[in-house]
Amino acid sequence: MVKEMPKKVLVKEVIFFNILCTSLFVCMELICHVYFQIQRLQVALGEQSKMAMLSQQQCERLKNERILCRICFERDICIVLLPCRHHVLCE
Protein backbone atom coordinates (compact mmCIF):
# COMPACT_ATOMS: atom_id res chain seq x y z
CA MET A 1 0.00 0.00 0.00
CA VAL A 2 1.30 3.44 -0.96
CA LYS A 3 1.89 5.72 1.96
CA GLU A 4 0.59 9.27 1.68
CA MET A 5 3.39 11.84 1.84
CA PRO A 6 3.04 15.52 2.47
CA LYS A 7 3.42 17.56 -0.69
CA LYS A 8 6.50 19.38 0.63
CA VAL A 9 8.34 16.11 1.36
CA LEU A 10 7.30 14.68 -2.01
CA VAL A 11 8.63 17.76 -3.84
CA LYS A 12 11.94 17.50 -1.95
CA GLU A 13 12.28 13.82 -2.87
CA VAL A 14 11.50 14.49 -6.52
CA ILE A 15 14.13 17.25 -6.57
CA PHE A 16 16.64 14.97 -4.83
CA PHE A 17 16.06 12.12 -7.31
CA ASN A 18 16.23 14.55 -10.23
CA ILE A 19 19.62 15.81 -8.99
CA LEU A 20 20.76 12.23 -8.42
CA CYS A 21 19.74 11.17 -11.94
CA THR A 22 21.47 14.22 -13.44
CA SER A 23 24.63 13.43 -11.48
CA LEU A 24 24.54 9.81 -12.64
CA PHE A 25 24.08 10.94 -16.23
CA VAL A 26 27.06 13.30 -15.96
CA CYS A 27 29.14 10.49 -14.43
CA MET A 28 28.18 8.14 -17.26
CA GLU A 29 29.14 10.77 -19.85
CA LEU A 30 32.49 11.21 -18.12
CA ILE A 31 33.08 7.45 -18.01
CA CYS A 32 32.28 7.18 -21.75
CA HIS A 33 34.62 10.08 -22.52
CA VAL A 34 37.45 8.49 -20.51
CA TYR A 35 36.81 5.09 -22.15
CA PHE A 36 37.07 6.56 -25.66
CA GLN A 37 40.18 8.52 -24.69
CA ILE A 38 41.80 5.29 -23.43
CA GLN A 39 40.93 3.53 -26.70
CA ARG A 40 42.36 6.40 -28.75
CA LEU A 41 45.56 6.38 -26.68
CA GLN A 42 45.91 2.60 -27.02
CA VAL A 43 45.67 2.90 -30.81
CA ALA A 44 48.25 5.71 -30.80
CA LEU A 45 50.56 3.66 -28.57
CA GLY A 46 50.28 0.69 -30.92
CA GLU A 47 51.18 2.89 -33.89
CA GLN A 48 54.14 4.39 -32.00
CA SER A 49 55.35 0.90 -31.05
CA LYS A 50 55.20 -0.21 -34.70
CA MET A 51 57.10 2.90 -35.80
CA ALA A 52 59.74 2.40 -33.11
CA MET A 53 60.22 -1.23 -34.14
CA LEU A 54 60.53 -0.27 -37.81
CA SER A 55 62.99 2.50 -36.95
CA GLN A 56 65.07 0.09 -34.89
CA GLN A 57 65.07 -2.48 -37.71
CA GLN A 58 66.03 0.20 -40.23
CA CYS A 59 68.84 1.39 -37.94
CA GLU A 60 70.20 -2.16 -37.65
CA ARG A 61 69.98 -2.62 -41.41
CA LEU A 62 71.86 0.64 -42.03
CA LYS A 63 74.54 -0.33 -39.51
CA ASN A 64 75.02 -3.65 -41.29
CA GLU A 65 75.13 -1.95 -44.69
CA ARG A 66 77.93 0.34 -43.50
CA ILE A 67 80.24 -2.52 -42.55
CA LEU A 68 79.36 -5.20 -45.12
CA CYS A 69 81.06 -5.68 -48.45
CA ARG A 70 79.16 -3.98 -51.29
CA ILE A 71 79.69 -7.00 -53.55
CA CYS A 72 78.88 -10.10 -51.47
CA PHE A 73 77.00 -8.46 -48.53
CA GLU A 74 78.31 -11.20 -46.27
CA ARG A 75 81.76 -10.27 -45.00
CA ASP A 76 83.07 -7.10 -43.38
CA ILE A 77 84.76 -4.40 -45.46
CA CYS A 78 88.55 -4.52 -45.40
CA ILE A 79 89.78 -3.25 -48.80
CA VAL A 80 90.17 0.36 -49.93
CA LEU A 81 89.86 1.25 -53.60
CA LEU A 82 92.47 3.61 -55.01
CA PRO A 83 92.54 6.43 -56.06
CA CYS A 84 89.04 7.22 -54.71
CA ARG A 85 89.78 5.62 -51.32
CA HIS A 86 86.31 4.17 -50.95
CA HIS A 87 86.36 1.49 -48.30
CA VAL A 88 83.71 -0.88 -49.68
CA LEU A 89 85.10 -4.38 -50.41
CA CYS A 90 86.01 -7.52 -48.52
CA GLU A 91 88.96 -9.80 -49.35
PDB file of N, CA and C in Angstrom:
ATOM      1  N   MET A   1       0.834  -1.186   0.000  1.00  0.00           N
ATOM      2  CA  MET A   1       0.000   0.000   0.000  1.00  0.00           C
ATOM      3  C   MET A   1       0.880   1.251   0.000  1.00  0.00           C
ATOM      4  N   VAL A   2       0.529   2.199  -0.823  1.00  0.00           N
ATOM      5  CA  VAL A   2       1.300   3.437  -0.956  1.00  0.00           C
ATOM      6  C   VAL A   2       0.983   4.341   0.211  1.00  0.00           C
ATOM      7  N   LYS A   3       2.042   4.836   0.809  1.00  0.00           N
ATOM      8  CA  LYS A   3       1.888   5.721   1.957  1.00  0.00           C
ATOM      9  C   LYS A   3       1.734   7.154   1.463  1.00  0.00           C
ATOM     10  N   GLU A   4       0.801   7.860   2.024  1.00  0.00           N
ATOM     11  CA  GLU A   4       0.589   9.272   1.679  1.00  0.00           C
ATOM     12  C   GLU A   4       1.738  10.095   2.236  1.00  0.00           C
ATOM     13  N   MET A   5       2.300  10.966   1.395  1.00  0.00           N
ATOM     14  CA  MET A   5       3.388  11.836   1.838  1.00  0.00           C
ATOM     15  C   MET A   5       2.936  13.273   1.690  1.00  0.00           C
ATOM     16  N   PRO A   6       3.373  14.100   2.626  1.00  0.00           N
ATOM     17  CA  PRO A   6       3.043  15.517   2.475  1.00  0.00           C
ATOM     18  C   PRO A   6       3.666  16.051   1.179  1.00  0.00           C
ATOM     19  N   LYS A   7       2.990  17.004   0.589  1.00  0.00           N
ATOM     20  CA  LYS A   7       3.417  17.557  -0.690  1.00  0.00           C
ATOM     21  C   LYS A   7       4.838  18.111  -0.619  1.00  0.00           C
ATOM     22  N   LYS A   8       5.178  18.775   0.462  1.00  0.00           N
ATOM     23  CA  LYS A   8       6.497  19.384   0.628  1.00  0.00           C
ATOM     24  C   LYS A   8       7.597  18.308   0.604  1.00  0.00           C
ATOM     25  N   VAL A   9       7.371  17.204   1.310  1.00  0.00           N
ATOM     26  CA  VAL A   9       8.340  16.107   1.358  1.00  0.00           C
ATOM     27  C   VAL A   9       8.448  15.456  -0.027  1.00  0.00           C
ATOM     28  N   LEU A  10       7.320  15.280  -0.679  1.00  0.00           N
ATOM     29  CA  LEU A  10       7.297  14.681  -2.009  1.00  0.00           C
ATOM     30  C   LEU A  10       8.085  15.534  -3.007  1.00  0.00           C
ATOM     31  N   VAL A  11       7.904  16.837  -2.955  1.00  0.00           N
ATOM     32  CA  VAL A  11       8.633  17.755  -3.842  1.00  0.00           C
ATOM     33  C   VAL A  11      10.135  17.654  -3.576  1.00  0.00           C
ATOM     34  N   LYS A  12      10.523  17.618  -2.296  1.00  0.00           N
ATOM     35  CA  LYS A  12      11.945  17.499  -1.947  1.00  0.00           C
ATOM     36  C   LYS A  12      12.529  16.195  -2.486  1.00  0.00           C
ATOM     37  N   GLU A  13      11.794  15.105  -2.371  1.00  0.00           N
ATOM     38  CA  GLU A  13      12.281  13.817  -2.868  1.00  0.00           C
ATOM     39  C   GLU A  13      12.406  13.816  -4.388  1.00  0.00           C
ATOM     40  N   VAL A  14      11.435  14.401  -5.055  1.00  0.00           N
ATOM     41  CA  VAL A  14      11.496  14.487  -6.518  1.00  0.00           C
ATOM     42  C   VAL A  14      12.717  15.303  -6.941  1.00  0.00           C
ATOM     43  N   ILE A  15      12.957  16.416  -6.275  1.00  0.00           N
ATOM     44  CA  ILE A  15      14.129  17.253  -6.574  1.00  0.00           C
ATOM     45  C   ILE A  15      15.408  16.466  -6.306  1.00  0.00           C
ATOM     46  N   PHE A  16      15.452  15.762  -5.169  1.00  0.00           N
ATOM     47  CA  PHE A  16      16.637  14.972  -4.827  1.00  0.00           C
ATOM     48  C   PHE A  16      16.914  13.913  -5.896  1.00  0.00           C
ATOM     49  N   PHE A  17      15.880  13.163  -6.303  1.00  0.00           N
ATOM     50  CA  PHE A  17      16.064  12.120  -7.311  1.00  0.00           C
ATOM     51  C   PHE A  17      16.411  12.708  -8.679  1.00  0.00           C
ATOM     52  N   ASN A  18      15.890  13.870  -8.981  1.00  0.00           N
ATOM     53  CA  ASN A  18      16.231  14.549 -10.231  1.00  0.00           C
ATOM     54  C   ASN A  18      17.719  14.915 -10.239  1.00  0.00           C
ATOM     55  N   ILE A  19      18.197  15.458  -9.119  1.00  0.00           N
ATOM     56  CA  ILE A  19      19.616  15.810  -8.995  1.00  0.00           C
ATOM     57  C   ILE A  19      20.470  14.548  -9.070  1.00  0.00           C
ATOM     58  N   LEU A  20      20.026  13.488  -8.398  1.00  0.00           N
ATOM     59  CA  LEU A  20      20.758  12.226  -8.416  1.00  0.00           C
ATOM     60  C   LEU A  20      20.853  11.666  -9.835  1.00  0.00           C
ATOM     61  N   CYS A  21      19.746  11.671 -10.558  1.00  0.00           N
ATOM     62  CA  CYS A  21      19.743  11.171 -11.940  1.00  0.00           C
ATOM     63  C   CYS A  21      20.645  12.017 -12.834  1.00  0.00           C
ATOM     64  N   THR A  22      20.600  13.329 -12.660  1.00  0.00           N
ATOM     65  CA  THR A  22      21.466  14.218 -13.437  1.00  0.00           C
ATOM     66  C   THR A  22      22.928  13.928 -13.137  1.00  0.00           C
ATOM     67  N   SER A  23      23.249  13.740 -11.860  1.00  0.00           N
ATOM     68  CA  SER A  23      24.628  13.430 -11.477  1.00  0.00           C
ATOM     69  C   SER A  23      25.078  12.107 -12.080  1.00  0.00           C
ATOM     70  N   LEU A  24      24.209  11.110 -12.047  1.00  0.00           N
ATOM     71  CA  LEU A  24      24.545   9.815 -12.636  1.00  0.00           C
ATOM     72  C   LEU A  24      24.760   9.933 -14.139  1.00  0.00           C
ATOM     73  N   PHE A  25      23.933  10.730 -14.795  1.00  0.00           N
ATOM     74  CA  PHE A  25      24.078  10.938 -16.232  1.00  0.00           C
ATOM     75  C   PHE A  25      25.418  11.599 -16.549  1.00  0.00           C
ATOM     76  N   VAL A  26      25.781  12.612 -15.766  1.00  0.00           N
ATOM     77  CA  VAL A  26      27.064  13.296 -15.957  1.00  0.00           C
ATOM     78  C   VAL A  26      28.213  12.321 -15.725  1.00  0.00           C
ATOM     79  N   CYS A  27      28.104  11.488 -14.701  1.00  0.00           N
ATOM     80  CA  CYS A  27      29.145  10.487 -14.428  1.00  0.00           C
ATOM     81  C   CYS A  27      29.272   9.502 -15.588  1.00  0.00           C
ATOM     82  N   MET A  28      28.149   9.062 -16.130  1.00  0.00           N
ATOM     83  CA  MET A  28      28.182   8.137 -17.261  1.00  0.00           C
ATOM     84  C   MET A  28      28.825   8.790 -18.485  1.00  0.00           C
ATOM     85  N   GLU A  29      28.507  10.056 -18.736  1.00  0.00           N
ATOM     86  CA  GLU A  29      29.141  10.766 -19.851  1.00  0.00           C
ATOM     87  C   GLU A  29      30.648  10.840 -19.653  1.00  0.00           C
ATOM     88  N   LEU A  30      31.066  11.125 -18.429  1.00  0.00           N
ATOM     89  CA  LEU A  30      32.492  11.213 -18.125  1.00  0.00           C
ATOM     90  C   LEU A  30      33.170   9.854 -18.316  1.00  0.00           C
ATOM     91  N   ILE A  31      32.529   8.798 -17.854  1.00  0.00           N
ATOM     92  CA  ILE A  31      33.079   7.448 -18.014  1.00  0.00           C
ATOM     93  C   ILE A  31      33.222   7.113 -19.502  1.00  0.00           C
ATOM     94  N   CYS A  32      32.212   7.435 -20.302  1.00  0.00           N
ATOM     95  CA  CYS A  32      32.283   7.177 -21.747  1.00  0.00           C
ATOM     96  C   CYS A  32      33.414   7.972 -22.383  1.00  0.00           C
ATOM     97  N   HIS A  33      33.546   9.229 -21.994  1.00  0.00           N
ATOM     98  CA  HIS A  33      34.620  10.076 -22.524  1.00  0.00           C
ATOM     99  C   HIS A  33      35.986   9.477 -22.184  1.00  0.00           C
ATOM    100  N   VAL A  34      36.170   9.076 -20.941  1.00  0.00           N
ATOM    101  CA  VAL A  34      37.446   8.486 -20.512  1.00  0.00           C
ATOM    102  C   VAL A  34      37.701   7.176 -21.263  1.00  0.00           C
ATOM    103  N   TYR A  35      36.676   6.366 -21.431  1.00  0.00           N
ATOM    104  CA  TYR A  35      36.811   5.095 -22.149  1.00  0.00           C
ATOM    105  C   TYR A  35      37.296   5.325 -23.585  1.00  0.00           C
ATOM    106  N   PHE A  36      36.666   6.283 -24.283  1.00  0.00           N
ATOM    107  CA  PHE A  36      37.068   6.555 -25.664  1.00  0.00           C
ATOM    108  C   PHE A  36      38.464   7.172 -25.733  1.00  0.00           C
ATOM    109  N   GLN A  37      38.827   7.967 -24.739  1.00  0.00           N
ATOM    110  CA  GLN A  37      40.185   8.520 -24.687  1.00  0.00           C
ATOM    111  C   GLN A  37      41.204   7.386 -24.522  1.00  0.00           C
ATOM    112  N   ILE A  38      40.900   6.433 -23.650  1.00  0.00           N
ATOM    113  CA  ILE A  38      41.797   5.290 -23.432  1.00  0.00           C
ATOM    114  C   ILE A  38      41.951   4.501 -24.731  1.00  0.00           C
ATOM    115  N   GLN A  39      40.853   4.263 -25.431  1.00  0.00           N
ATOM    116  CA  GLN A  39      40.930   3.529 -26.697  1.00  0.00           C
ATOM    117  C   GLN A  39      41.787   4.280 -27.710  1.00  0.00           C
ATOM    118  N   ARG A  40      41.589   5.589 -27.810  1.00  0.00           N
ATOM    119  CA  ARG A  40      42.363   6.404 -28.747  1.00  0.00           C
ATOM    120  C   ARG A  40      43.852   6.347 -28.406  1.00  0.00           C
ATOM    121  N   LEU A  41      44.166   6.431 -27.112  1.00  0.00           N
ATOM    122  CA  LEU A  41      45.564   6.383 -26.683  1.00  0.00           C
ATOM    123  C   LEU A  41      46.185   5.012 -26.922  1.00  0.00           C
ATOM    124  N   GLN A  42      45.397   3.951 -26.752  1.00  0.00           N
ATOM    125  CA  GLN A  42      45.914   2.605 -27.017  1.00  0.00           C
ATOM    126  C   GLN A  42      46.249   2.431 -28.497  1.00  0.00           C
ATOM    127  N   VAL A  43      45.403   2.966 -29.366  1.00  0.00           N
ATOM    128  CA  VAL A  43      45.673   2.901 -30.805  1.00  0.00           C
ATOM    129  C   VAL A  43      46.944   3.683 -31.128  1.00  0.00           C
ATOM    130  N   ALA A  44      47.063   4.887 -30.561  1.00  0.00           N
ATOM    131  CA  ALA A  44      48.254   5.711 -30.800  1.00  0.00           C
ATOM    132  C   ALA A  44      49.511   5.015 -30.283  1.00  0.00           C
ATOM    133  N   LEU A  45      49.416   4.377 -29.124  1.00  0.00           N
ATOM    134  CA  LEU A  45      50.561   3.655 -28.566  1.00  0.00           C
ATOM    135  C   LEU A  45      50.964   2.495 -29.472  1.00  0.00           C
ATOM    136  N   GLY A  46      49.985   1.784 -29.999  1.00  0.00           N
ATOM    137  CA  GLY A  46      50.276   0.688 -30.923  1.00  0.00           C
ATOM    138  C   GLY A  46      50.993   1.183 -32.169  1.00  0.00           C
ATOM    139  N   GLU A  47      50.537   2.320 -32.708  1.00  0.00           N
ATOM    140  CA  GLU A  47      51.185   2.893 -33.890  1.00  0.00           C
ATOM    141  C   GLU A  47      52.609   3.330 -33.569  1.00  0.00           C
ATOM    142  N   GLN A  48      52.799   3.950 -32.405  1.00  0.00           N
ATOM    143  CA  GLN A  48      54.137   4.385 -32.003  1.00  0.00           C
ATOM    144  C   GLN A  48      55.062   3.184 -31.819  1.00  0.00           C
ATOM    145  N   SER A  49      54.540   2.108 -31.246  1.00  0.00           N
ATOM    146  CA  SER A  49      55.350   0.901 -31.052  1.00  0.00           C
ATOM    147  C   SER A  49      55.784   0.321 -32.393  1.00  0.00           C
ATOM    148  N   LYS A  50      54.858   0.291 -33.367  1.00  0.00           N
ATOM    149  CA  LYS A  50      55.199  -0.205 -34.701  1.00  0.00           C
ATOM    150  C   LYS A  50      56.285   0.665 -35.329  1.00  0.00           C
ATOM    151  N   MET A  51      56.114   1.989 -35.212  1.00  0.00           N
ATOM    152  CA  MET A  51      57.096   2.902 -35.801  1.00  0.00           C
ATOM    153  C   MET A  51      58.458   2.742 -35.138  1.00  0.00           C
ATOM    154  N   ALA A  52      58.473   2.571 -33.825  1.00  0.00           N
ATOM    155  CA  ALA A  52      59.737   2.400 -33.108  1.00  0.00           C
ATOM    156  C   ALA A  52      60.423   1.109 -33.547  1.00  0.00           C
ATOM    157  N   MET A  53      59.642   0.047 -33.717  1.00  0.00           N
ATOM    158  CA  MET A  53      60.216  -1.227 -34.141  1.00  0.00           C
ATOM    159  C   MET A  53      60.789  -1.106 -35.549  1.00  0.00           C
ATOM    160  N   LEU A  54      60.043  -0.450 -36.449  1.00  0.00           N
ATOM    161  CA  LEU A  54      60.530  -0.271 -37.812  1.00  0.00           C
ATOM    162  C   LEU A  54      61.786   0.589 -37.834  1.00  0.00           C
ATOM    163  N   SER A  55      61.814   1.638 -37.016  1.00  0.00           N
ATOM    164  CA  SER A  55      62.992   2.499 -36.948  1.00  0.00           C
ATOM    165  C   SER A  55      64.197   1.723 -36.436  1.00  0.00           C
ATOM    166  N   GLN A  56      63.978   0.892 -35.439  1.00  0.00           N
ATOM    167  CA  GLN A  56      65.074   0.093 -34.892  1.00  0.00           C
ATOM    168  C   GLN A  56      65.582  -0.905 -35.936  1.00  0.00           C
ATOM    169  N   GLN A  57      64.667  -1.537 -36.659  1.00  0.00           N
ATOM    170  CA  GLN A  57      65.069  -2.478 -37.708  1.00  0.00           C
ATOM    171  C   GLN A  57      65.835  -1.755 -38.816  1.00  0.00           C
ATOM    172  N   GLN A  58      65.351  -0.574 -39.188  1.00  0.00           N
ATOM    173  CA  GLN A  58      66.032   0.197 -40.225  1.00  0.00           C
ATOM    174  C   GLN A  58      67.426   0.615 -39.759  1.00  0.00           C
ATOM    175  N   CYS A  59      67.544   1.009 -38.507  1.00  0.00           N
ATOM    176  CA  CYS A  59      68.843   1.391 -37.943  1.00  0.00           C
ATOM    177  C   CYS A  59      69.813   0.210 -37.993  1.00  0.00           C
ATOM    178  N   GLU A  60      69.350  -0.965 -37.599  1.00  0.00           N
ATOM    179  CA  GLU A  60      70.196  -2.159 -37.647  1.00  0.00           C
ATOM    180  C   GLU A  60      70.623  -2.475 -39.084  1.00  0.00           C
ATOM    181  N   ARG A  61      69.674  -2.349 -40.002  1.00  0.00           N
ATOM    182  CA  ARG A  61      69.977  -2.622 -41.414  1.00  0.00           C
ATOM    183  C   ARG A  61      71.034  -1.648 -41.926  1.00  0.00           C
ATOM    184  N   LEU A  62      70.890  -0.362 -41.593  1.00  0.00           N
ATOM    185  CA  LEU A  62      71.865   0.639 -42.033  1.00  0.00           C
ATOM    186  C   LEU A  62      73.235   0.401 -41.414  1.00  0.00           C
ATOM    187  N   LYS A  63      73.256  -0.011 -40.149  1.00  0.00           N
ATOM    188  CA  LYS A  63      74.538  -0.329 -39.509  1.00  0.00           C
ATOM    189  C   LYS A  63      75.225  -1.469 -40.248  1.00  0.00           C
ATOM    190  N   ASN A  64      74.454  -2.499 -40.573  1.00  0.00           N
ATOM    191  CA  ASN A  64      75.016  -3.646 -41.289  1.00  0.00           C
ATOM    192  C   ASN A  64      75.493  -3.253 -42.681  1.00  0.00           C
ATOM    193  N   GLU A  65      74.742  -2.392 -43.352  1.00  0.00           N
ATOM    194  CA  GLU A  65      75.130  -1.951 -44.689  1.00  0.00           C
ATOM    195  C   GLU A  65      76.446  -1.181 -44.658  1.00  0.00           C
ATOM    196  N   ARG A  66      76.702  -0.451 -43.599  1.00  0.00           N
ATOM    197  CA  ARG A  66      77.932   0.343 -43.505  1.00  0.00           C
ATOM    198  C   ARG A  66      79.168  -0.529 -43.392  1.00  0.00           C
ATOM    199  N   ILE A  67      79.045  -1.699 -42.788  1.00  0.00           N
ATOM    200  CA  ILE A  67      80.239  -2.515 -42.547  1.00  0.00           C
ATOM    201  C   ILE A  67      80.345  -3.730 -43.459  1.00  0.00           C
ATOM    202  N   LEU A  68      79.317  -4.021 -44.253  1.00  0.00           N
ATOM    203  CA  LEU A  68      79.356  -5.202 -45.122  1.00  0.00           C
ATOM    204  C   LEU A  68      79.876  -4.847 -46.512  1.00  0.00           C
ATOM    205  N   CYS A  69      80.543  -5.806 -47.089  1.00  0.00           N
ATOM    206  CA  CYS A  69      81.062  -5.685 -48.454  1.00  0.00           C
ATOM    207  C   CYS A  69      79.924  -5.336 -49.411  1.00  0.00           C
ATOM    208  N   ARG A  70      80.191  -4.412 -50.336  1.00  0.00           N
ATOM    209  CA  ARG A  70      79.161  -3.984 -51.290  1.00  0.00           C
ATOM    210  C   ARG A  70      78.949  -4.996 -52.421  1.00  0.00           C
ATOM    211  N   ILE A  71      79.810  -5.988 -52.498  1.00  0.00           N
ATOM    212  CA  ILE A  71      79.688  -7.001 -53.550  1.00  0.00           C
ATOM    213  C   ILE A  71      78.957  -8.244 -53.029  1.00  0.00           C
ATOM    214  N   CYS A  72      79.475  -8.848 -51.964  1.00  0.00           N
ATOM    215  CA  CYS A  72      78.879 -10.102 -51.472  1.00  0.00           C
ATOM    216  C   CYS A  72      77.852  -9.889 -50.354  1.00  0.00           C
ATOM    217  N   PHE A  73      77.899  -8.771 -49.659  1.00  0.00           N
ATOM    218  CA  PHE A  73      76.996  -8.458 -48.535  1.00  0.00           C
ATOM    219  C   PHE A  73      77.021  -9.528 -47.443  1.00  0.00           C
ATOM    220  N   GLU A  74      78.186 -10.178 -47.297  1.00  0.00           N
ATOM    221  CA  GLU A  74      78.310 -11.205 -46.266  1.00  0.00           C
ATOM    222  C   GLU A  74      79.450 -10.924 -45.304  1.00  0.00           C
ATOM    223  N   ARG A  75      80.592 -10.491 -45.844  1.00  0.00           N
ATOM    224  CA  ARG A  75      81.765 -10.269 -44.999  1.00  0.00           C
ATOM    225  C   ARG A  75      81.987  -8.780 -44.763  1.00  0.00           C
ATOM    226  N   ASP A  76      82.771  -8.497 -43.714  1.00  0.00           N
ATOM    227  CA  ASP A  76      83.074  -7.101 -43.379  1.00  0.00           C
ATOM    228  C   ASP A  76      84.014  -6.477 -44.404  1.00  0.00           C
ATOM    229  N   ILE A  77      83.899  -5.175 -44.561  1.00  0.00           N
ATOM    230  CA  ILE A  77      84.756  -4.399 -45.459  1.00  0.00           C
ATOM    231  C   ILE A  77      86.181  -4.394 -44.921  1.00  0.00           C
ATOM    232  N   CYS A  78      87.156  -4.588 -45.826  1.00  0.00           N
ATOM    233  CA  CYS A  78      88.552  -4.522 -45.396  1.00  0.00           C
ATOM    234  C   CYS A  78      89.487  -4.030 -46.507  1.00  0.00           C
ATOM    235  N   ILE A  79      88.951  -3.692 -47.674  1.00  0.00           N
ATOM    236  CA  ILE A  79      89.783  -3.247 -48.802  1.00  0.00           C
ATOM    237  C   ILE A  79      89.369  -1.842 -49.221  1.00  0.00           C
ATOM    238  N   VAL A  80      90.387  -1.018 -49.468  1.00  0.00           N
ATOM    239  CA  VAL A  80      90.166   0.357 -49.925  1.00  0.00           C
ATOM    240  C   VAL A  80      90.492   0.423 -51.412  1.00  0.00           C
ATOM    241  N   LEU A  81      89.606   1.058 -52.175  1.00  0.00           N
ATOM    242  CA  LEU A  81      89.859   1.248 -53.605  1.00  0.00           C
ATOM    243  C   LEU A  81      90.678   2.515 -53.807  1.00  0.00           C
ATOM    244  N   LEU A  82      91.660   2.436 -54.685  1.00  0.00           N
ATOM    245  CA  LEU A  82      92.471   3.612 -55.007  1.00  0.00           C
ATOM    246  C   LEU A  82      92.150   4.022 -56.437  1.00  0.00           C
ATOM    247  N   PRO A  83      92.154   5.243 -56.816  1.00  0.00           N
ATOM    248  CA  PRO A  83      92.543   6.431 -56.064  1.00  0.00           C
ATOM    249  C   PRO A  83      91.399   7.071 -55.271  1.00  0.00           C
ATOM    250  N   CYS A  84      90.168   6.549 -55.391  1.00  0.00           N
ATOM    251  CA  CYS A  84      89.040   7.218 -54.711  1.00  0.00           C
ATOM    252  C   CYS A  84      89.026   6.999 -53.203  1.00  0.00           C
ATOM    253  N   ARG A  85      89.694   5.963 -52.741  1.00  0.00           N
ATOM    254  CA  ARG A  85      89.782   5.618 -51.316  1.00  0.00           C
ATOM    255  C   ARG A  85      88.439   5.224 -50.685  1.00  0.00           C
ATOM    256  N   HIS A  86      87.555   4.713 -51.498  1.00  0.00           N
ATOM    257  CA  HIS A  86      86.311   4.172 -50.949  1.00  0.00           C
ATOM    258  C   HIS A  86      86.624   2.841 -50.281  1.00  0.00           C
ATOM    259  N   HIS A  87      86.122   2.683 -49.106  1.00  0.00           N
ATOM    260  CA  HIS A  87      86.360   1.485 -48.296  1.00  0.00           C
ATOM    261  C   HIS A  87      85.095   0.633 -48.386  1.00  0.00           C
ATOM    262  N   VAL A  88      84.986  -0.219 -49.427  1.00  0.00           N
ATOM    263  CA  VAL A  88      83.712  -0.884 -49.685  1.00  0.00           C
ATOM    264  C   VAL A  88      83.791  -2.383 -49.958  1.00  0.00           C
ATOM    265  N   LEU A  89      84.993  -2.966 -50.006  1.00  0.00           N
ATOM    266  CA  LEU A  89      85.101  -4.377 -50.410  1.00  0.00           C
ATOM    267  C   LEU A  89      85.690  -5.252 -49.314  1.00  0.00           C
ATOM    268  N   CYS A  90      85.364  -6.542 -49.399  1.00  0.00           N
ATOM    269  CA  CYS A  90      86.007  -7.524 -48.523  1.00  0.00           C
ATOM    270  C   CYS A  90      87.157  -8.171 -49.285  1.00  0.00           C
ATOM    271  N   GLU A  91      87.841  -9.108 -48.673  1.00  0.00           N
ATOM    272  CA  GLU A  91      88.957  -9.799 -49.350  1.00  0.00           C
ATOM    273  C   GLU A  91      88.466 -10.756 -50.413  1.00  0.00           C
TER     274      GLU A  91
END
